[in-house]
Amino acid sequence: MRRVVKSLRQAAQERGVSVGIMIDTQGPAIRTGDLPAVLHLQPGQKFTFAVAGEQCTETHCVTVNYDDLAKDINAGDVVVLDNGEIRMKVLSKAGNRIECEVLTEGKLGSRRHINLPGVKVNLPTLTEKDLADVQLGLEVGVDFISLSFVREAANIRQLRDILAKSVHKPRIVAKIEDQMAVKNLTEIILEADAVMVARGDLGIECPYEELPIIQRRVVKACLRIGRPVIVATHMLESMIENPMPTRAEITDVANAVFEQADGIMLSGETTVGKYPLHCVEVFDKIARRIERSGGANYQAQAELTSPRQKLVKSAVVMADELRAEAILVFTVRGNMARHTAWMRPRHSQIFAICEKWEVADSLAINWGVKSLVIPFNYENPEKTIDLAMKTLMTRGHLKRGQTTVVVSSISAGEKIIDAIQMRMVE
């Protein structure tokens, strides 16, 4: 991880661009133990889970790493193994042994992941491994930490308390991937810095026909209160092996872009897949085309609570009316740029003008934002605006005669005030 982060920062520096780096906590994974051989399971067979030190004596039996499984689970509950490949129904439990009936045919190997749809488990949000990974993330200076299996806002506060002790404070991305998270969605979104619809586990934990509804609900809720939202997992799954996406995958990616999620995310496609670069190109091609066709405009229901949010809304309305090529947002901590992205301008590229790379990198997750890092002149803000305009022209982002809307501070006598200006590129 130290090597990868160093390489990413170096590559970004060589190109003069910002890059956001996110690490993912594994979370409290429930897994089966080791098996001497793969078990071939058939529907109707009986199967036993042994927990809390119990040993397997039956052929169709496996130990589990979660000692309280027998306490949390009840007859009638469904157990899902290996990312949905195998399903079982709990028949009964006696002590630390759980008797199940196999519902679907499958092959069960060692250390397979277990999902318990609808079951509230007594697991810690952050395991010892997660805590060590977070400390390493702080050491190397990552920009985001995605928190797996968030069940309530208190889980996010626990991680935030850990980050509070660090000088460097990454932004927290809450992963929505079980029924408890969906139930507590509003409080989670309010507490998090960003949200991820993690459809892998979510599609197992919830009825699959509910998945598109949950995705849309999360995106709408995030755009209502101004939280960046990422749609992730299985977006181009077939491209792990094949050079072309399926028509269904193309439509799935298009829907996420049409809903105006801040980000769409690949996982297995670019880690173990045969065509990692081509997957990114496919993502980019679909996203650019769909963005030209318009979006769902969920931000129209945005709940603006501060004067600065309302100022930015005015700037975006002006840019939309003028069909401005760009909105330049001068921001010290990144908040004004985040507000601008939240408002989803229809025609304008958002340029966040920052004085620190950490701020620029933290904006990588926000919709439509490109960051530029330049020194700020606080005594004469006009000089900062001029430098930004010239730099963007030099890099080919702006051309003479184009219309821009500038959100910045200006001098008004002895005061520095926030202002919106329309400027022609000269």
Protein backbone atom coordinates (compact mmCIF):
# COMPACT_ATOMS: atom_id res chain seq x y z
CA MET A 1 0.00 0.00 0.00
CA ARG A 2 2.86 2.38 0.72
CA ARG A 3 4.31 1.65 -2.71
CA VAL A 4 0.98 2.04 -4.53
CA VAL A 5 0.10 5.36 -2.85
CA LYS A 6 3.59 6.73 -3.59
CA SER A 7 3.28 5.70 -7.25
CA LEU A 8 -0.17 7.30 -7.56
CA ARG A 9 0.96 10.59 -6.04
CA GLN A 10 4.06 10.66 -8.24
CA ALA A 11 2.07 9.95 -11.41
CA ALA A 12 -0.45 12.67 -10.51
CA GLN A 13 2.33 15.17 -9.74
CA GLU A 14 4.05 14.51 -13.06
CA ARG A 15 0.79 15.29 -14.87
CA GLY A 16 -0.16 18.24 -12.66
CA VAL A 17 -3.53 16.69 -11.74
CA SER A 18 -5.23 15.81 -8.48
CA VAL A 19 -6.17 12.24 -7.62
CA GLY A 20 -8.33 10.99 -4.79
CA ILE A 21 -7.14 7.82 -3.04
CA MET A 22 -9.63 5.72 -1.08
CA ILE A 23 -9.00 2.69 1.10
CA ASP A 24 -11.68 0.19 2.02
CA THR A 25 -12.10 -1.42 5.42
CA GLN A 26 -12.86 -5.12 5.20
CA GLY A 27 -15.42 -4.96 7.97
CA PRO A 28 -16.59 -7.77 10.25
CA ALA A 29 -16.73 -10.61 7.73
CA ILE A 30 -18.44 -13.83 8.81
CA ARG A 31 -16.69 -16.77 7.13
CA THR A 32 -16.74 -20.53 7.14
CA GLY A 33 -13.67 -22.40 8.36
CA ASP A 34 -11.32 -24.75 6.51
CA LEU A 35 -12.63 -27.90 4.83
CA PRO A 36 -10.56 -30.99 3.97
CA ALA A 37 -12.25 -31.10 0.55
CA VAL A 38 -14.85 -29.18 -1.45
CA LEU A 39 -18.40 -30.16 -0.49
CA HIS A 40 -20.87 -30.81 -3.32
CA LEU A 41 -24.24 -29.75 -1.96
CA GLN A 42 -27.68 -30.67 -3.29
CA PRO A 43 -31.12 -29.22 -2.47
CA GLY A 44 -32.80 -31.01 0.42
CA GLN A 45 -29.58 -32.09 2.11
CA LYS A 46 -29.06 -31.35 5.79
CA PHE A 47 -26.11 -29.14 6.69
CA THR A 48 -24.63 -28.13 10.04
CA PHE A 49 -22.77 -25.00 11.17
CA ALA A 50 -20.58 -25.46 14.24
CA VAL A 51 -19.65 -22.34 16.23
CA ALA A 52 -17.84 -21.26 19.41
CA GLY A 53 -15.33 -24.10 19.45
CA GLU A 54 -17.72 -26.88 18.39
CA GLN A 55 -16.14 -29.43 16.06
CA CYS A 56 -17.67 -30.98 12.96
CA THR A 57 -18.50 -34.67 13.14
CA GLU A 58 -20.84 -34.83 10.12
CA THR A 59 -19.69 -34.87 6.49
CA HIS A 60 -21.86 -31.88 5.57
CA CYS A 61 -20.65 -29.52 8.27
CA VAL A 62 -18.37 -26.50 8.58
CA THR A 63 -17.15 -24.32 11.44
CA VAL A 64 -17.82 -20.56 11.49
CA ASN A 65 -15.56 -17.76 12.78
CA TYR A 66 -18.42 -15.87 14.47
CA ASP A 67 -19.06 -17.28 17.95
CA ASP A 68 -22.46 -15.62 18.48
CA LEU A 69 -24.03 -16.97 15.29
CA ALA A 70 -26.27 -19.39 17.19
CA LYS A 71 -27.52 -16.52 19.41
CA ASP A 72 -28.35 -14.21 16.51
CA ILE A 73 -30.00 -16.66 14.13
CA ASN A 74 -33.37 -18.39 14.40
CA ALA A 75 -35.33 -21.14 12.69
CA GLY A 76 -36.67 -19.91 9.36
CA ASP A 77 -33.77 -17.51 8.71
CA VAL A 78 -31.87 -17.83 5.44
CA VAL A 79 -28.10 -18.27 5.29
CA VAL A 80 -26.37 -17.21 2.06
CA LEU A 81 -22.84 -18.41 1.28
CA ASP A 82 -20.15 -17.52 -1.24
CA ASN A 83 -21.69 -14.26 -2.54
CA GLY A 84 -25.10 -15.81 -3.17
CA GLU A 85 -23.97 -19.07 -4.79
CA ILE A 86 -25.47 -21.26 -2.05
CA ARG A 87 -28.60 -20.68 0.04
CA MET A 88 -29.77 -22.58 3.11
CA LYS A 89 -32.72 -22.34 5.52
CA VAL A 90 -32.23 -22.70 9.27
CA LEU A 91 -34.28 -25.63 10.64
CA SER A 92 -33.20 -25.64 14.28
CA LYS A 93 -30.35 -24.91 16.66
CA ALA A 94 -29.05 -26.77 19.68
CA GLY A 95 -26.31 -25.22 21.75
CA ASN A 96 -23.58 -24.13 19.33
CA ARG A 97 -24.79 -26.23 16.40
CA ILE A 98 -27.17 -24.93 13.74
CA GLU A 99 -29.09 -27.39 11.56
CA CYS A 100 -29.98 -26.19 8.06
CA GLU A 101 -31.54 -27.44 4.83
CA VAL A 102 -29.71 -26.79 1.55
CA LEU A 103 -31.93 -24.84 -0.88
CA THR A 104 -29.64 -24.49 -3.91
CA GLU A 105 -27.06 -26.72 -5.50
CA GLY A 106 -23.45 -25.60 -5.16
CA LYS A 107 -19.84 -26.32 -4.29
CA LEU A 108 -18.66 -25.10 -0.89
CA GLY A 109 -14.95 -24.50 -0.34
CA SER A 110 -12.97 -23.23 2.63
CA ARG A 111 -13.30 -19.77 4.15
CA ARG A 112 -16.39 -18.71 2.20
CA HIS A 113 -18.24 -15.49 3.01
CA ILE A 114 -21.57 -15.78 4.88
CA ASN A 115 -24.47 -13.32 4.57
CA LEU A 116 -27.46 -13.34 6.92
CA PRO A 117 -30.23 -11.32 5.24
CA GLY A 118 -32.40 -9.50 7.76
CA VAL A 119 -30.48 -10.83 10.77
CA LYS A 120 -29.07 -8.27 13.22
CA VAL A 121 -25.62 -9.46 14.23
CA ASN A 122 -23.59 -8.38 17.23
CA LEU A 123 -20.36 -7.59 15.41
CA PRO A 124 -17.95 -4.65 15.82
CA THR A 125 -17.90 -2.10 13.01
CA LEU A 126 -14.10 -1.95 13.03
CA THR A 127 -12.09 -5.13 13.52
CA GLU A 128 -8.45 -5.18 14.65
CA LYS A 129 -7.44 -5.53 11.00
CA ASP A 130 -9.57 -2.53 10.08
CA LEU A 131 -7.99 -0.39 12.81
CA ALA A 132 -4.50 -1.31 11.57
CA ASP A 133 -5.53 -0.52 7.97
CA VAL A 134 -6.93 2.86 9.03
CA GLN A 135 -3.66 3.72 10.80
CA LEU A 136 -1.73 2.83 7.65
CA GLY A 137 -4.12 4.97 5.60
CA LEU A 138 -3.42 7.91 7.89
CA GLU A 139 0.31 7.29 7.61
CA VAL A 140 0.34 7.39 3.80
CA GLY A 141 -2.22 10.21 3.57
CA VAL A 142 -5.24 8.72 1.82
CA ASP A 143 -8.11 11.07 1.01
CA PHE A 144 -11.06 8.78 1.76
CA ILE A 145 -11.80 5.78 3.98
CA SER A 146 -14.82 3.70 2.98
CA LEU A 147 -16.43 2.07 6.00
CA SER A 148 -17.88 -1.37 5.30
CA PHE A 149 -21.16 -2.66 6.71
CA VAL A 150 -22.27 0.62 8.27
CA ARG A 151 -25.45 -0.15 10.21
CA GLU A 152 -26.09 3.15 12.00
CA ALA A 153 -24.64 6.66 12.36
CA ALA A 154 -22.80 5.64 15.54
CA ASN A 155 -20.55 3.40 13.42
CA ILE A 156 -19.36 6.46 11.47
CA ARG A 157 -18.84 8.46 14.66
CA GLN A 158 -16.62 5.68 15.99
CA LEU A 159 -14.31 6.03 12.98
CA ARG A 160 -14.47 9.82 13.15
CA ASP A 161 -13.29 9.71 16.77
CA ILE A 162 -10.23 7.76 15.62
CA LEU A 163 -9.52 10.23 12.79
CA ALA A 164 -9.89 13.17 15.20
CA LYS A 165 -6.57 12.21 16.80
CA SER A 166 -4.76 12.58 13.46
CA VAL A 167 -3.52 15.78 11.81
CA HIS A 168 -4.60 14.32 8.48
CA LYS A 169 -8.35 13.63 8.40
CA PRO A 170 -9.62 11.62 5.42
CA ARG A 171 -13.29 11.94 4.49
CA ILE A 172 -15.53 9.00 5.46
CA VAL A 173 -17.52 7.12 2.82
CA ALA A 174 -20.35 5.06 4.34
CA LYS A 175 -21.05 1.84 2.46
CA ILE A 176 -24.72 0.91 2.27
CA GLU A 177 -24.75 -2.88 2.05
CA ASP A 178 -27.32 -4.40 4.38
CA GLN A 179 -30.93 -4.00 5.52
CA MET A 180 -29.98 -2.17 8.72
CA ALA A 181 -28.19 0.50 6.70
CA VAL A 182 -31.24 0.95 4.47
CA LYS A 183 -33.45 1.27 7.56
CA ASN A 184 -31.16 3.94 9.07
CA LEU A 185 -30.36 5.60 5.76
CA THR A 186 -31.16 9.22 6.64
CA GLU A 187 -29.07 9.33 9.82
CA ILE A 188 -26.16 7.60 8.04
CA ILE A 189 -26.19 10.06 5.14
CA LEU A 190 -26.29 13.02 7.53
CA GLU A 191 -23.28 11.71 9.47
CA ALA A 192 -21.10 10.57 6.55
CA ASP A 193 -18.99 12.72 4.22
CA ALA A 194 -20.04 10.58 1.25
CA VAL A 195 -22.06 7.41 0.60
CA MET A 196 -21.50 4.30 -1.50
CA VAL A 197 -24.26 2.02 -2.80
CA ALA A 198 -22.25 -1.21 -2.42
CA ARG A 199 -24.46 -3.46 -4.50
CA GLY A 200 -22.49 -6.68 -4.02
CA ASP A 201 -23.49 -7.49 -0.45
CA LEU A 202 -26.58 -5.27 -0.67
CA GLY A 203 -27.95 -7.45 -3.47
CA ILE A 204 -27.58 -10.50 -1.24
CA GLU A 205 -28.81 -8.92 2.00
CA CYS A 206 -31.93 -7.43 0.38
CA PRO A 207 -34.43 -8.92 -2.10
CA TYR A 208 -32.85 -8.45 -5.53
CA GLU A 209 -35.96 -6.81 -6.99
CA GLU A 210 -35.56 -4.08 -4.34
CA LEU A 211 -31.98 -3.24 -5.37
CA PRO A 212 -32.81 -0.65 -8.10
CA ILE A 213 -35.31 1.00 -5.75
CA ILE A 214 -32.76 1.20 -2.94
CA GLN A 215 -30.11 2.60 -5.30
CA ARG A 216 -32.45 5.33 -6.51
CA ARG A 217 -33.58 6.08 -2.96
CA VAL A 218 -29.97 6.50 -1.79
CA VAL A 219 -29.05 8.75 -4.74
CA LYS A 220 -32.16 10.90 -4.22
CA ALA A 221 -31.52 11.20 -0.49
CA CYS A 222 -27.88 12.20 -1.04
CA LEU A 223 -28.81 14.84 -3.61
CA ARG A 224 -31.46 16.20 -1.28
CA ILE A 225 -28.98 16.96 1.51
CA GLY A 226 -25.77 17.37 -0.47
CA ARG A 227 -23.70 14.21 0.02
CA PRO A 228 -21.55 12.77 -2.76
CA VAL A 229 -22.79 9.30 -3.74
CA ILE A 230 -21.01 6.46 -5.52
CA VAL A 231 -22.68 3.51 -7.26
CA ALA A 232 -20.43 0.46 -7.11
CA THR A 233 -20.02 -3.26 -7.78
CA HIS A 234 -20.91 -5.57 -10.68
CA MET A 235 -21.24 -2.69 -13.13
CA LEU A 236 -19.20 -4.37 -15.87
CA GLU A 237 -18.87 -7.81 -14.26
CA SER A 238 -18.81 -9.74 -17.55
CA MET A 239 -15.74 -7.75 -18.64
CA ILE A 240 -13.65 -9.58 -16.06
CA GLU A 241 -13.46 -12.28 -18.76
CA ASN A 242 -14.86 -10.63 -21.91
CA PRO A 243 -13.71 -7.59 -23.93
CA MET A 244 -17.26 -6.27 -24.41
CA PRO A 245 -19.94 -5.43 -21.83
CA THR A 246 -23.43 -6.91 -22.01
CA ARG A 247 -26.33 -4.70 -23.08
CA ALA A 248 -27.74 -4.97 -19.56
CA GLU A 249 -24.45 -3.68 -18.09
CA ILE A 250 -24.41 -0.75 -20.48
CA THR A 251 -27.92 0.16 -19.37
CA ASP A 252 -26.99 -0.27 -15.70
CA VAL A 253 -24.06 2.13 -16.01
CA ALA A 254 -26.24 4.53 -17.99
CA ASN A 255 -28.91 4.50 -15.27
CA ALA A 256 -26.39 5.40 -12.56
CA VAL A 257 -25.09 8.27 -14.71
CA PHE A 258 -28.63 9.42 -15.56
CA GLU A 259 -29.45 9.42 -11.83
CA GLN A 260 -26.42 11.76 -11.56
CA ALA A 261 -24.45 9.80 -9.00
CA ASP A 262 -21.17 11.57 -8.25
CA GLY A 263 -19.15 8.48 -9.10
CA ILE A 264 -19.41 5.04 -10.64
CA MET A 265 -16.92 2.45 -9.46
CA LEU A 266 -15.25 -0.67 -10.77
CA SER A 267 -13.83 -3.39 -8.51
CA GLY A 268 -13.11 -6.90 -9.78
CA GLU A 269 -13.08 -5.59 -13.36
CA THR A 270 -9.87 -3.64 -12.73
CA THR A 271 -8.27 -5.79 -10.03
CA VAL A 272 -8.49 -9.36 -11.36
CA GLY A 273 -10.06 -8.77 -14.77
CA LYS A 274 -8.39 -9.33 -18.13
CA TYR A 275 -9.26 -5.88 -19.54
CA PRO A 276 -8.76 -3.29 -16.77
CA LEU A 277 -7.91 -0.30 -18.97
CA HIS A 278 -10.62 -1.13 -21.51
CA CYS A 279 -13.18 -1.27 -18.66
CA VAL A 280 -12.31 2.29 -17.68
CA GLU A 281 -12.61 3.38 -21.33
CA VAL A 282 -16.06 1.75 -21.58
CA PHE A 283 -17.13 3.46 -18.34
CA ASP A 284 -15.94 6.81 -19.66
CA LYS A 285 -17.59 6.42 -23.06
CA ILE A 286 -20.99 5.51 -21.62
CA ALA A 287 -20.83 8.25 -18.95
CA ARG A 288 -19.93 11.01 -21.41
CA ARG A 289 -22.71 10.04 -23.80
CA ILE A 290 -25.41 9.79 -21.13
CA GLU A 291 -24.39 13.09 -19.51
CA ARG A 292 -25.02 14.83 -22.85
CA SER A 293 -28.60 13.52 -22.83
CA GLY A 294 -29.52 15.14 -19.49
CA GLY A 295 -30.17 13.73 -16.04
CA ALA A 296 -32.82 13.00 -13.45
CA ASN A 297 -32.31 16.37 -11.73
CA TYR A 298 -32.93 15.09 -8.22
CA GLN A 299 -30.97 18.13 -6.99
CA ALA A 300 -34.09 20.19 -7.70
CA GLN A 301 -35.32 18.95 -4.29
CA ALA A 302 -32.12 20.11 -2.54
CA GLU A 303 -32.62 21.33 1.02
CA LEU A 304 -30.37 24.41 1.22
CA THR A 305 -29.65 25.40 4.80
CA SER A 306 -26.87 28.02 4.68
CA PRO A 307 -26.39 31.39 2.96
CA ARG A 308 -23.31 30.06 1.13
CA GLN A 309 -25.27 27.14 -0.30
CA LYS A 310 -27.87 29.59 -1.58
CA LEU A 311 -25.15 31.81 -3.04
CA VAL A 312 -23.76 28.85 -4.97
CA LYS A 313 -27.27 27.91 -6.17
CA SER A 314 -27.57 31.44 -7.61
CA ALA A 315 -24.23 31.01 -9.40
CA VAL A 316 -25.34 27.71 -10.95
CA VAL A 317 -28.67 29.21 -12.06
CA MET A 318 -26.74 32.06 -13.69
CA ALA A 319 -24.37 29.62 -15.41
CA ASP A 320 -27.29 27.54 -16.69
CA GLU A 321 -29.06 30.62 -18.07
CA LEU A 322 -25.87 31.86 -19.74
CA ARG A 323 -24.89 28.35 -20.92
CA ALA A 324 -21.48 29.23 -19.50
CA GLU A 325 -18.61 26.96 -20.45
CA ALA A 326 -17.20 26.92 -16.93
CA ILE A 327 -17.80 27.80 -13.29
CA LEU A 328 -14.65 28.79 -11.40
CA VAL A 329 -14.96 28.26 -7.65
CA PHE A 330 -12.20 29.63 -5.44
CA THR A 331 -12.22 27.54 -2.29
CA VAL A 332 -9.97 27.22 0.76
CA ARG A 333 -11.48 24.08 2.31
CA GLY A 334 -13.40 22.77 -0.71
CA ASN A 335 -16.91 23.39 0.60
CA MET A 336 -17.98 25.93 -2.04
CA ALA A 337 -16.85 23.54 -4.78
CA ARG A 338 -18.81 20.71 -3.12
CA HIS A 339 -21.93 22.90 -3.04
CA THR A 340 -21.46 23.71 -6.74
CA ALA A 341 -21.19 20.03 -7.66
CA TRP A 342 -24.30 19.31 -5.57
CA MET A 343 -26.30 21.75 -7.73
CA ARG A 344 -25.37 19.80 -10.92
CA PRO A 345 -24.86 22.65 -13.46
CA ARG A 346 -26.29 21.67 -16.86
CA HIS A 347 -23.64 23.02 -19.23
CA SER A 348 -20.62 24.15 -17.22
CA GLN A 349 -17.44 22.38 -16.23
CA ILE A 350 -16.69 23.06 -12.56
CA PHE A 351 -13.12 24.16 -11.82
CA ALA A 352 -12.23 24.16 -8.13
CA ILE A 353 -9.36 26.60 -7.60
CA CYS A 354 -7.48 25.52 -4.47
CA GLU A 355 -4.25 26.52 -2.76
CA LYS A 356 -3.52 23.06 -1.27
CA TRP A 357 -3.23 19.68 -2.96
CA GLU A 358 -5.00 17.95 -0.05
CA VAL A 359 -8.13 20.00 -0.76
CA ALA A 360 -7.91 19.37 -4.50
CA ASP A 361 -7.54 15.62 -3.95
CA SER A 362 -10.51 15.55 -1.56
CA LEU A 363 -12.73 16.92 -4.35
CA ALA A 364 -11.99 14.03 -6.71
CA ILE A 365 -15.14 12.27 -5.52
CA ASN A 366 -17.49 15.16 -6.36
CA TRP A 367 -19.56 15.29 -9.54
CA GLY A 368 -18.07 17.24 -12.44
CA VAL A 369 -15.19 18.86 -10.52
CA LYS A 370 -11.69 19.41 -11.90
CA SER A 371 -9.22 20.96 -9.49
CA LEU A 372 -6.46 23.48 -10.06
CA VAL A 373 -3.85 24.30 -7.41
CA ILE A 374 -2.37 27.82 -7.43
CA PRO A 375 -1.13 30.26 -4.75
CA PHE A 376 -3.83 32.60 -3.37
CA ASN A 377 -3.26 36.33 -3.00
CA TYR A 378 -5.47 37.30 -0.05
CA GLU A 379 -4.56 40.97 -0.20
CA ASN A 380 -5.61 41.22 -3.84
CA PRO A 381 -8.13 38.48 -4.80
CA GLU A 382 -8.30 39.86 -8.35
CA LYS A 383 -4.74 38.68 -8.97
CA THR A 384 -5.71 35.16 -7.92
CA ILE A 385 -8.62 35.18 -10.39
CA ASP A 386 -6.37 36.41 -13.21
CA LEU A 387 -3.76 33.73 -12.48
CA ALA A 388 -6.42 31.01 -12.48
CA MET A 389 -7.91 32.17 -15.79
CA LYS A 390 -4.49 32.33 -17.47
CA THR A 391 -3.49 28.91 -16.12
CA LEU A 392 -6.72 27.30 -17.36
CA MET A 393 -6.21 28.89 -20.79
CA THR A 394 -2.60 27.67 -20.93
CA ARG A 395 -3.75 24.12 -20.14
CA GLY A 396 -6.43 24.24 -22.83
CA HIS A 397 -9.42 24.23 -20.49
CA LEU A 398 -10.63 27.71 -21.48
CA LYS A 399 -10.59 29.65 -24.75
CA ARG A 400 -10.90 33.35 -25.55
CA GLY A 401 -14.49 34.50 -25.92
CA GLN A 402 -15.98 31.83 -23.65
CA THR A 403 -18.32 32.73 -20.82
CA THR A 404 -17.49 31.82 -17.24
CA VAL A 405 -19.15 32.33 -13.87
CA VAL A 406 -16.74 33.04 -11.02
CA VAL A 407 -17.52 32.30 -7.37
CA SER A 408 -14.87 33.97 -5.25
CA SER A 409 -13.99 36.55 -2.65
CA ILE A 410 -13.55 40.16 -3.76
CA SER A 411 -12.36 43.33 -2.07
CA ALA A 412 -15.11 45.77 -1.05
CA GLY A 413 -13.40 48.69 0.65
CA GLU A 414 -11.70 47.18 3.68
CA LYS A 415 -13.82 44.03 3.60
CA ILE A 416 -13.48 40.76 1.70
CA ILE A 417 -16.87 39.41 0.65
CA ASP A 418 -18.20 36.41 -1.29
CA ALA A 419 -19.33 37.31 -4.79
CA ILE A 420 -20.60 35.89 -8.09
CA GLN A 421 -19.30 37.39 -11.33
CA MET A 422 -19.83 36.75 -15.03
CA ARG A 423 -16.57 36.98 -16.97
CA MET A 424 -15.59 36.61 -20.59
CA VAL A 425 -12.30 34.85 -21.18
CA GLU A 426 -9.86 37.37 -22.64
